[in-house]
Amino acid sequence: MVRETVIDGGNRPGEDPERDLRPKRIDEMVGQHEVIARLRIAIEAARVRGEALGHLLLDGPPGLGKTTFATCIPREMQVGLQMTSGAILKAPRDLVPYLTNAEEHSVLFIDEIHRIPKIVEEYLYTAMEDFRVDIILGDGINARTHNLWIKPFTLIGATTRSGMLTGPLRDRFQIREHLGFYSDEELTQIIVRNASQLNTEIAPQAADEIARRSRGTPRIANNRLRWVRDYAQTKADGTVTMDVTFAALEMLGIDNTGMDPLDREYLQTMIRVFEGGPVGIDALAHTMNTSKDTLEDEVEPFLLRNGFVVRTPRGRMATSKTYEHLQLLPPEPGVA
């Protein structure tokens, strides 16, 4: 099993500052002001008491900074960090090494924690509450339990599906924070800063335009910045201007709302195959030959937030805004 461990507060060995645009310290983070303010209080209080930070659950759509928080917090507290994913913790034996190797007050970060199976989750209960791991030795009537005490640590869990967490696991997190989407102004700040880190000159209006088309998500903003930078270097003189930005994003099929080809396929499928809905997510996913998780995590949050789709008890439905955006005629009232 591969385990990624970060021991100190500096960059990871072999880390390329140009490739990793994530902030290294909380002071460098943009947006999420209320979350940051609350976490600063919790971090400082734990530091004053000489204790591990309380277990922290971060939830929200992909790309909003859950992993960034999880890597910045140990640097703030000057403690070690272990990172893993719920998808690879298939059995207790996959989890136990992380717990037994945890240093005092260090952080264990589990991304997509909702994906851990029940049997692994149960091992976390005593580890989180009592800093104890109960290891079963032997089988059947010869089985016995060995109590292994571990060092106090902080579990940071990240999830895009907080509703899939069981109540017992969710309740063991003393701190729970939801990350919201970023404003265009916040994304512009991120783009300007990261363009500098990429040694790329960018016009202020171009940074604004990339921000407007980045769906309120820093990860998307960084990906689109990198693409526009590449386009500028190969098709222009390397400077990211408005003209370069328009041409580069048009090549990707990203329109002025931030809608991309997968979004349009989703809406067109809903309209042309299911007559605008209502339609269930499973039917859409099967028709598009796309995973349900991809649609729920990457497509629908943007479309719902911007009023292109609504959810009803019977399923998803396209709105009049969708027909207008796609330049399609909406169905006449009363016509199926």
Protein backbone atom coordinates (compact mmCIF):
# COMPACT_ATOMS: atom_id res chain seq x y z
CA MET A 1 0.00 0.00 0.00
CA VAL A 2 1.31 3.45 -0.89
CA ARG A 3 1.26 6.01 1.88
CA GLU A 4 2.20 9.65 1.38
CA THR A 5 3.77 11.24 4.44
CA VAL A 6 4.75 14.86 4.93
CA ILE A 7 6.81 15.38 8.05
CA ASP A 8 7.83 19.04 8.13
CA GLY A 9 6.35 22.42 7.33
CA GLY A 10 8.27 23.06 4.12
CA ASN A 11 7.80 21.87 0.55
CA ARG A 12 7.67 18.17 -0.14
CA PRO A 13 10.75 16.52 -1.58
CA GLY A 14 10.84 17.09 -5.34
CA GLU A 15 7.92 19.50 -5.21
CA ASP A 16 7.82 21.78 -8.25
CA PRO A 17 6.46 25.20 -7.21
CA GLU A 18 5.24 25.82 -10.78
CA ARG A 19 3.24 22.60 -10.92
CA ASP A 20 1.77 22.88 -7.43
CA LEU A 21 -0.11 26.16 -7.28
CA ARG A 22 -1.72 25.41 -3.93
CA PRO A 23 -1.07 27.89 -1.12
CA LYS A 24 1.42 26.60 1.45
CA ARG A 25 0.09 28.64 4.38
CA ILE A 26 -3.36 29.74 5.47
CA ASP A 27 -2.22 33.37 5.11
CA GLU A 28 -1.80 32.74 1.37
CA MET A 29 -5.34 31.43 0.90
CA VAL A 30 -7.99 33.52 -0.86
CA GLY A 31 -11.68 33.30 0.01
CA GLN A 32 -13.42 31.09 2.61
CA HIS A 33 -12.95 33.94 5.11
CA GLU A 34 -15.39 32.69 7.76
CA VAL A 35 -14.01 29.15 7.62
CA ILE A 36 -10.46 30.46 7.97
CA ALA A 37 -11.43 32.67 10.93
CA ARG A 38 -12.98 29.75 12.81
CA LEU A 39 -10.09 27.42 12.05
CA ARG A 40 -7.57 30.01 13.24
CA ILE A 41 -9.30 30.09 16.61
CA ALA A 42 -9.33 26.29 16.86
CA ILE A 43 -5.67 26.03 15.81
CA GLU A 44 -4.50 28.69 18.25
CA ALA A 45 -6.52 27.19 21.11
CA ALA A 46 -5.04 23.74 20.48
CA ARG A 47 -1.57 25.25 20.33
CA VAL A 48 -2.05 27.10 23.65
CA ARG A 49 -3.31 23.94 25.37
CA GLY A 50 -0.58 21.80 23.84
CA GLU A 51 -3.18 19.43 22.39
CA ALA A 52 -3.99 17.95 19.02
CA LEU A 53 -6.47 19.97 16.96
CA GLY A 54 -9.98 18.55 17.15
CA HIS A 55 -10.97 16.20 14.34
CA LEU A 56 -12.08 18.22 11.31
CA LEU A 57 -14.55 17.38 8.53
CA LEU A 58 -14.44 19.46 5.34
CA ASP A 59 -17.24 19.06 2.82
CA GLY A 60 -18.13 20.73 -0.44
CA PRO A 61 -17.92 20.28 -4.21
CA PRO A 62 -14.59 19.28 -5.80
CA GLY A 63 -11.84 21.85 -6.27
CA LEU A 64 -12.75 24.32 -3.52
CA GLY A 65 -9.72 23.82 -1.28
CA LYS A 66 -10.34 20.85 1.01
CA THR A 67 -6.92 19.35 0.30
CA THR A 68 -5.32 22.79 0.54
CA PHE A 69 -6.71 23.25 4.04
CA ALA A 70 -5.55 19.76 4.97
CA THR A 71 -1.98 20.52 3.91
CA CYS A 72 -1.84 24.06 5.31
CA ILE A 73 -3.10 23.20 8.79
CA PRO A 74 -0.18 20.88 9.71
CA ARG A 75 2.25 23.54 8.50
CA GLU A 76 0.55 26.08 10.76
CA MET A 77 0.82 23.70 13.71
CA GLN A 78 4.29 22.45 12.71
CA VAL A 79 3.27 18.80 12.91
CA GLY A 80 3.52 15.83 10.59
CA LEU A 81 0.99 14.90 7.91
CA GLN A 82 -0.10 11.58 6.43
CA MET A 83 -2.38 11.55 3.40
CA THR A 84 -4.57 8.81 1.99
CA SER A 85 -7.94 8.28 0.30
CA GLY A 86 -11.05 6.49 1.42
CA ALA A 87 -11.06 4.57 -1.86
CA ILE A 88 -7.89 2.62 -0.97
CA LEU A 89 -8.78 1.89 2.66
CA LYS A 90 -10.59 -1.33 1.80
CA ALA A 91 -9.87 -3.25 5.02
CA PRO A 92 -8.72 -2.49 8.58
CA ARG A 93 -5.20 -3.61 7.72
CA ASP A 94 -5.02 -0.71 5.25
CA LEU A 95 -5.91 1.83 7.94
CA VAL A 96 -3.99 0.53 10.97
CA PRO A 97 -0.48 1.53 9.72
CA TYR A 98 -1.59 5.15 9.42
CA LEU A 99 -2.88 5.13 12.99
CA THR A 100 0.09 3.37 14.55
CA ASN A 101 2.61 5.53 12.66
CA ALA A 102 0.92 8.81 13.55
CA GLU A 103 3.19 11.13 15.52
CA GLU A 104 1.88 13.02 18.52
CA HIS A 105 -0.54 15.79 17.49
CA SER A 106 0.07 14.98 13.80
CA VAL A 107 -2.60 15.04 11.10
CA LEU A 108 -4.07 12.12 9.17
CA PHE A 109 -5.91 13.35 6.07
CA ILE A 110 -8.44 11.01 4.44
CA ASP A 111 -9.78 12.36 1.17
CA GLU A 112 -13.22 11.18 0.01
CA ILE A 113 -13.75 9.74 3.47
CA HIS A 114 -17.33 8.75 2.60
CA ARG A 115 -15.89 5.93 0.48
CA ILE A 116 -14.42 3.93 3.36
CA PRO A 117 -16.36 0.71 4.06
CA LYS A 118 -18.23 0.16 7.32
CA ILE A 119 -15.67 -2.28 8.74
CA VAL A 120 -12.88 0.30 8.32
CA GLU A 121 -15.05 3.10 9.65
CA GLU A 122 -15.61 1.18 12.89
CA TYR A 123 -11.85 1.11 13.52
CA LEU A 124 -11.86 4.89 13.37
CA TYR A 125 -14.39 5.24 16.17
CA THR A 126 -12.12 4.27 19.08
CA ALA A 127 -9.10 5.81 17.37
CA MET A 128 -10.84 9.19 17.15
CA GLU A 129 -12.41 9.11 20.61
CA ASP A 130 -9.94 7.21 22.80
CA PHE A 131 -6.77 7.11 20.64
CA ARG A 132 -6.95 3.33 20.76
CA VAL A 133 -6.96 0.65 18.09
CA ASP A 134 -8.61 -2.68 18.88
CA ILE A 135 -6.81 -5.41 16.95
CA ILE A 136 -8.44 -8.84 16.77
CA LEU A 137 -5.96 -11.72 16.91
CA GLY A 138 -6.93 -15.26 15.89
CA ASP A 139 -10.23 -16.63 14.59
CA GLY A 140 -13.40 -18.09 15.99
CA ILE A 141 -13.41 -19.13 19.65
CA ASN A 142 -9.67 -18.49 19.82
CA ALA A 143 -10.04 -14.85 18.80
CA ARG A 144 -8.93 -12.22 21.28
CA THR A 145 -8.74 -8.46 21.20
CA HIS A 146 -5.49 -6.58 21.72
CA ASN A 147 -5.85 -2.92 22.71
CA LEU A 148 -3.15 -0.81 21.09
CA TRP A 149 -2.80 2.76 22.35
CA ILE A 150 -1.82 5.34 19.77
CA LYS A 151 -0.60 8.91 20.03
CA PRO A 152 -3.17 11.73 20.03
CA PHE A 153 -3.69 12.86 16.44
CA THR A 154 -6.06 14.91 14.30
CA LEU A 155 -8.17 13.29 11.61
CA ILE A 156 -9.10 15.61 8.76
CA GLY A 157 -11.74 14.09 6.51
CA ALA A 158 -12.74 15.57 3.16
CA THR A 159 -15.88 14.66 1.29
CA THR A 160 -17.97 15.78 -1.63
CA ARG A 161 -20.86 13.68 -0.27
CA SER A 162 -21.38 14.52 3.39
CA GLY A 163 -24.82 12.94 3.27
CA MET A 164 -23.22 9.55 2.67
CA LEU A 165 -21.35 9.66 5.98
CA THR A 166 -22.92 7.65 8.78
CA GLY A 167 -24.15 9.54 11.82
CA PRO A 168 -21.66 7.89 14.22
CA LEU A 169 -18.70 8.92 12.07
CA ARG A 170 -19.97 12.44 11.38
CA ASP A 171 -20.62 13.04 15.08
CA ARG A 172 -17.03 12.21 15.99
CA PHE A 173 -15.74 15.29 14.16
CA GLN A 174 -15.57 18.18 16.63
CA ILE A 175 -15.17 20.70 13.80
CA ARG A 176 -17.27 20.60 10.63
CA GLU A 177 -16.88 23.13 7.85
CA HIS A 178 -18.60 23.49 4.49
CA LEU A 179 -16.63 25.14 1.68
CA GLY A 180 -18.67 27.33 -0.65
CA PHE A 181 -18.01 28.54 -4.18
CA TYR A 182 -15.71 31.51 -4.76
CA SER A 183 -16.68 34.90 -6.13
CA ASP A 184 -15.31 36.07 -9.48
CA GLU A 185 -13.23 38.67 -7.62
CA GLU A 186 -11.63 35.99 -5.44
CA LEU A 187 -10.88 33.84 -8.46
CA THR A 188 -9.30 36.83 -10.19
CA GLN A 189 -6.94 37.24 -7.23
CA ILE A 190 -6.00 33.57 -7.45
CA ILE A 191 -5.44 33.76 -11.22
CA VAL A 192 -3.25 36.88 -11.02
CA ARG A 193 -1.14 35.37 -8.23
CA ASN A 194 -0.74 32.03 -9.98
CA ALA A 195 0.04 33.64 -13.35
CA SER A 196 2.96 35.31 -11.59
CA GLN A 197 4.02 31.94 -10.17
CA LEU A 198 3.87 30.53 -13.71
CA ASN A 199 6.02 33.44 -14.96
CA THR A 200 3.18 34.49 -17.25
CA GLU A 201 2.17 38.07 -18.01
CA ILE A 202 -1.61 38.43 -17.94
CA ALA A 203 -3.84 41.42 -18.70
CA PRO A 204 -6.22 42.34 -15.85
CA GLN A 205 -9.25 41.95 -18.13
CA ALA A 206 -8.03 38.50 -19.19
CA ALA A 207 -7.75 37.41 -15.56
CA ASP A 208 -11.31 38.65 -15.00
CA GLU A 209 -12.55 36.71 -18.04
CA ILE A 210 -10.93 33.45 -16.95
CA ALA A 211 -12.42 33.94 -13.48
CA ARG A 212 -15.92 34.46 -14.90
CA ARG A 213 -15.64 31.18 -16.81
CA SER A 214 -14.27 29.11 -13.91
CA ARG A 215 -17.53 28.15 -12.20
CA GLY A 216 -16.57 29.56 -8.81
CA THR A 217 -13.89 26.89 -8.42
CA PRO A 218 -10.14 27.54 -7.93
CA ARG A 219 -9.11 24.18 -9.38
CA ILE A 220 -10.98 24.95 -12.60
CA ALA A 221 -9.53 28.48 -12.65
CA ASN A 222 -5.99 27.08 -12.36
CA ASN A 223 -6.60 24.50 -15.09
CA ARG A 224 -7.99 27.14 -17.44
CA LEU A 225 -5.15 29.52 -16.63
CA ARG A 226 -2.60 26.83 -17.51
CA TRP A 227 -4.37 26.13 -20.81
CA VAL A 228 -4.57 29.81 -21.76
CA ARG A 229 -0.89 30.18 -20.80
CA ASP A 230 0.01 27.26 -23.09
CA TYR A 231 -2.07 28.75 -25.90
CA ALA A 232 -0.41 32.15 -25.45
CA GLN A 233 3.05 30.60 -25.63
CA THR A 234 2.35 28.62 -28.80
CA LYS A 235 -0.11 30.83 -30.70
CA ALA A 236 0.94 34.32 -29.57
CA ASP A 237 3.86 36.07 -27.90
CA GLY A 238 3.31 34.49 -24.47
CA THR A 239 1.23 37.30 -22.98
CA VAL A 240 -2.30 36.38 -21.94
CA THR A 241 -4.48 39.07 -23.52
CA MET A 242 -8.24 39.21 -23.94
CA ASP A 243 -8.01 38.02 -27.55
CA VAL A 244 -5.78 35.11 -26.54
CA THR A 245 -8.16 34.21 -23.70
CA PHE A 246 -11.23 34.24 -25.96
CA ALA A 247 -9.52 32.08 -28.58
CA ALA A 248 -8.06 29.61 -26.08
CA LEU A 249 -11.31 29.04 -24.21
CA GLU A 250 -13.30 28.81 -27.44
CA MET A 251 -10.98 25.99 -28.53
CA LEU A 252 -11.93 24.12 -25.34
CA GLY A 253 -15.62 24.72 -25.97
CA ILE A 254 -16.02 26.85 -22.85
CA ASP A 255 -18.60 29.58 -23.34
CA ASN A 256 -19.01 32.92 -21.58
CA THR A 257 -20.91 31.35 -18.66
CA GLY A 258 -18.23 28.74 -18.01
CA MET A 259 -20.35 25.97 -19.52
CA ASP A 260 -18.23 23.24 -21.13
CA PRO A 261 -19.03 20.47 -23.65
CA LEU A 262 -20.05 17.96 -20.94
CA ASP A 263 -22.52 20.46 -19.48
CA ARG A 264 -24.05 21.03 -22.91
CA GLU A 265 -24.26 17.30 -23.57
CA TYR A 266 -26.09 16.86 -20.26
CA LEU A 267 -28.61 19.59 -21.13
CA GLN A 268 -29.04 18.47 -24.73
CA THR A 269 -29.62 14.88 -23.61
CA MET A 270 -32.21 16.04 -21.10
CA ILE A 271 -34.03 18.06 -23.78
CA ARG A 272 -33.73 15.86 -26.87
CA VAL A 273 -34.04 12.43 -25.28
CA PHE A 274 -36.19 13.18 -22.24
CA GLU A 275 -38.10 16.21 -23.56
CA GLY A 276 -36.69 18.50 -20.90
CA GLY A 277 -37.53 16.21 -18.00
CA PRO A 278 -38.33 15.33 -15.36
CA VAL A 279 -35.66 12.65 -15.60
CA GLY A 280 -33.64 10.73 -13.03
CA ILE A 281 -29.87 10.98 -12.73
CA ASP A 282 -29.40 7.26 -13.45
CA ALA A 283 -31.24 7.54 -16.77
CA LEU A 284 -29.14 10.56 -17.76
CA ALA A 285 -25.89 8.84 -16.81
CA HIS A 286 -26.74 5.68 -18.75
CA THR A 287 -27.84 7.60 -21.83
CA MET A 288 -24.67 9.72 -21.81
CA ASN A 289 -22.45 6.73 -20.98
CA THR A 290 -21.02 8.80 -18.12
CA SER A 291 -20.72 7.90 -14.46
CA LYS A 292 -23.43 9.12 -12.13
CA ASP A 293 -20.77 10.46 -9.75
CA THR A 294 -19.29 12.64 -12.50
CA LEU A 295 -22.65 14.21 -13.23
CA GLU A 296 -23.51 14.76 -9.57
CA ASP A 297 -20.10 16.09 -8.52
CA GLU A 298 -18.86 17.99 -11.57
CA VAL A 299 -21.82 18.92 -13.77
CA GLU A 300 -24.95 19.44 -11.71
CA PRO A 301 -23.65 21.82 -9.01
CA PHE A 302 -22.83 24.43 -11.67
CA LEU A 303 -26.06 23.94 -13.62
CA LEU A 304 -28.26 24.00 -10.51
CA ARG A 305 -26.51 27.02 -9.01
CA ASN A 306 -26.91 28.99 -12.24
CA GLY A 307 -30.54 28.10 -12.84
CA PHE A 308 -30.12 25.87 -15.91
CA VAL A 309 -31.64 22.86 -14.14
CA VAL A 310 -34.04 22.37 -11.24
CA ARG A 311 -34.64 19.29 -9.13
CA THR A 312 -38.20 18.17 -8.51
CA PRO A 313 -39.60 15.14 -6.64
CA ARG A 314 -39.90 13.44 -10.05
CA GLY A 315 -36.40 14.24 -11.29
CA ARG A 316 -34.30 16.91 -13.00
CA MET A 317 -35.86 19.42 -15.38
CA ALA A 318 -34.41 21.94 -17.81
CA THR A 319 -35.43 25.55 -17.22
CA SER A 320 -36.38 28.22 -19.73
CA LYS A 321 -32.88 29.64 -19.22
CA THR A 322 -31.45 26.43 -20.68
CA TYR A 323 -33.56 26.63 -23.83
CA GLU A 324 -32.58 30.25 -24.28
CA HIS A 325 -28.88 29.53 -23.74
CA LEU A 326 -28.88 26.60 -26.19
CA GLN A 327 -31.05 28.58 -28.63
CA LEU A 328 -33.77 25.93 -28.60
CA LEU A 329 -37.53 26.38 -28.55
CA PRO A 330 -39.10 25.36 -25.23
CA PRO A 331 -42.04 22.95 -25.35
CA GLU A 332 -45.47 24.52 -25.50
CA PRO A 333 -47.42 24.44 -22.21
CA GLY A 334 -49.49 21.29 -21.90
CA VAL A 335 -47.63 19.50 -24.70
CA ALA A 336 -45.74 16.36 -23.58
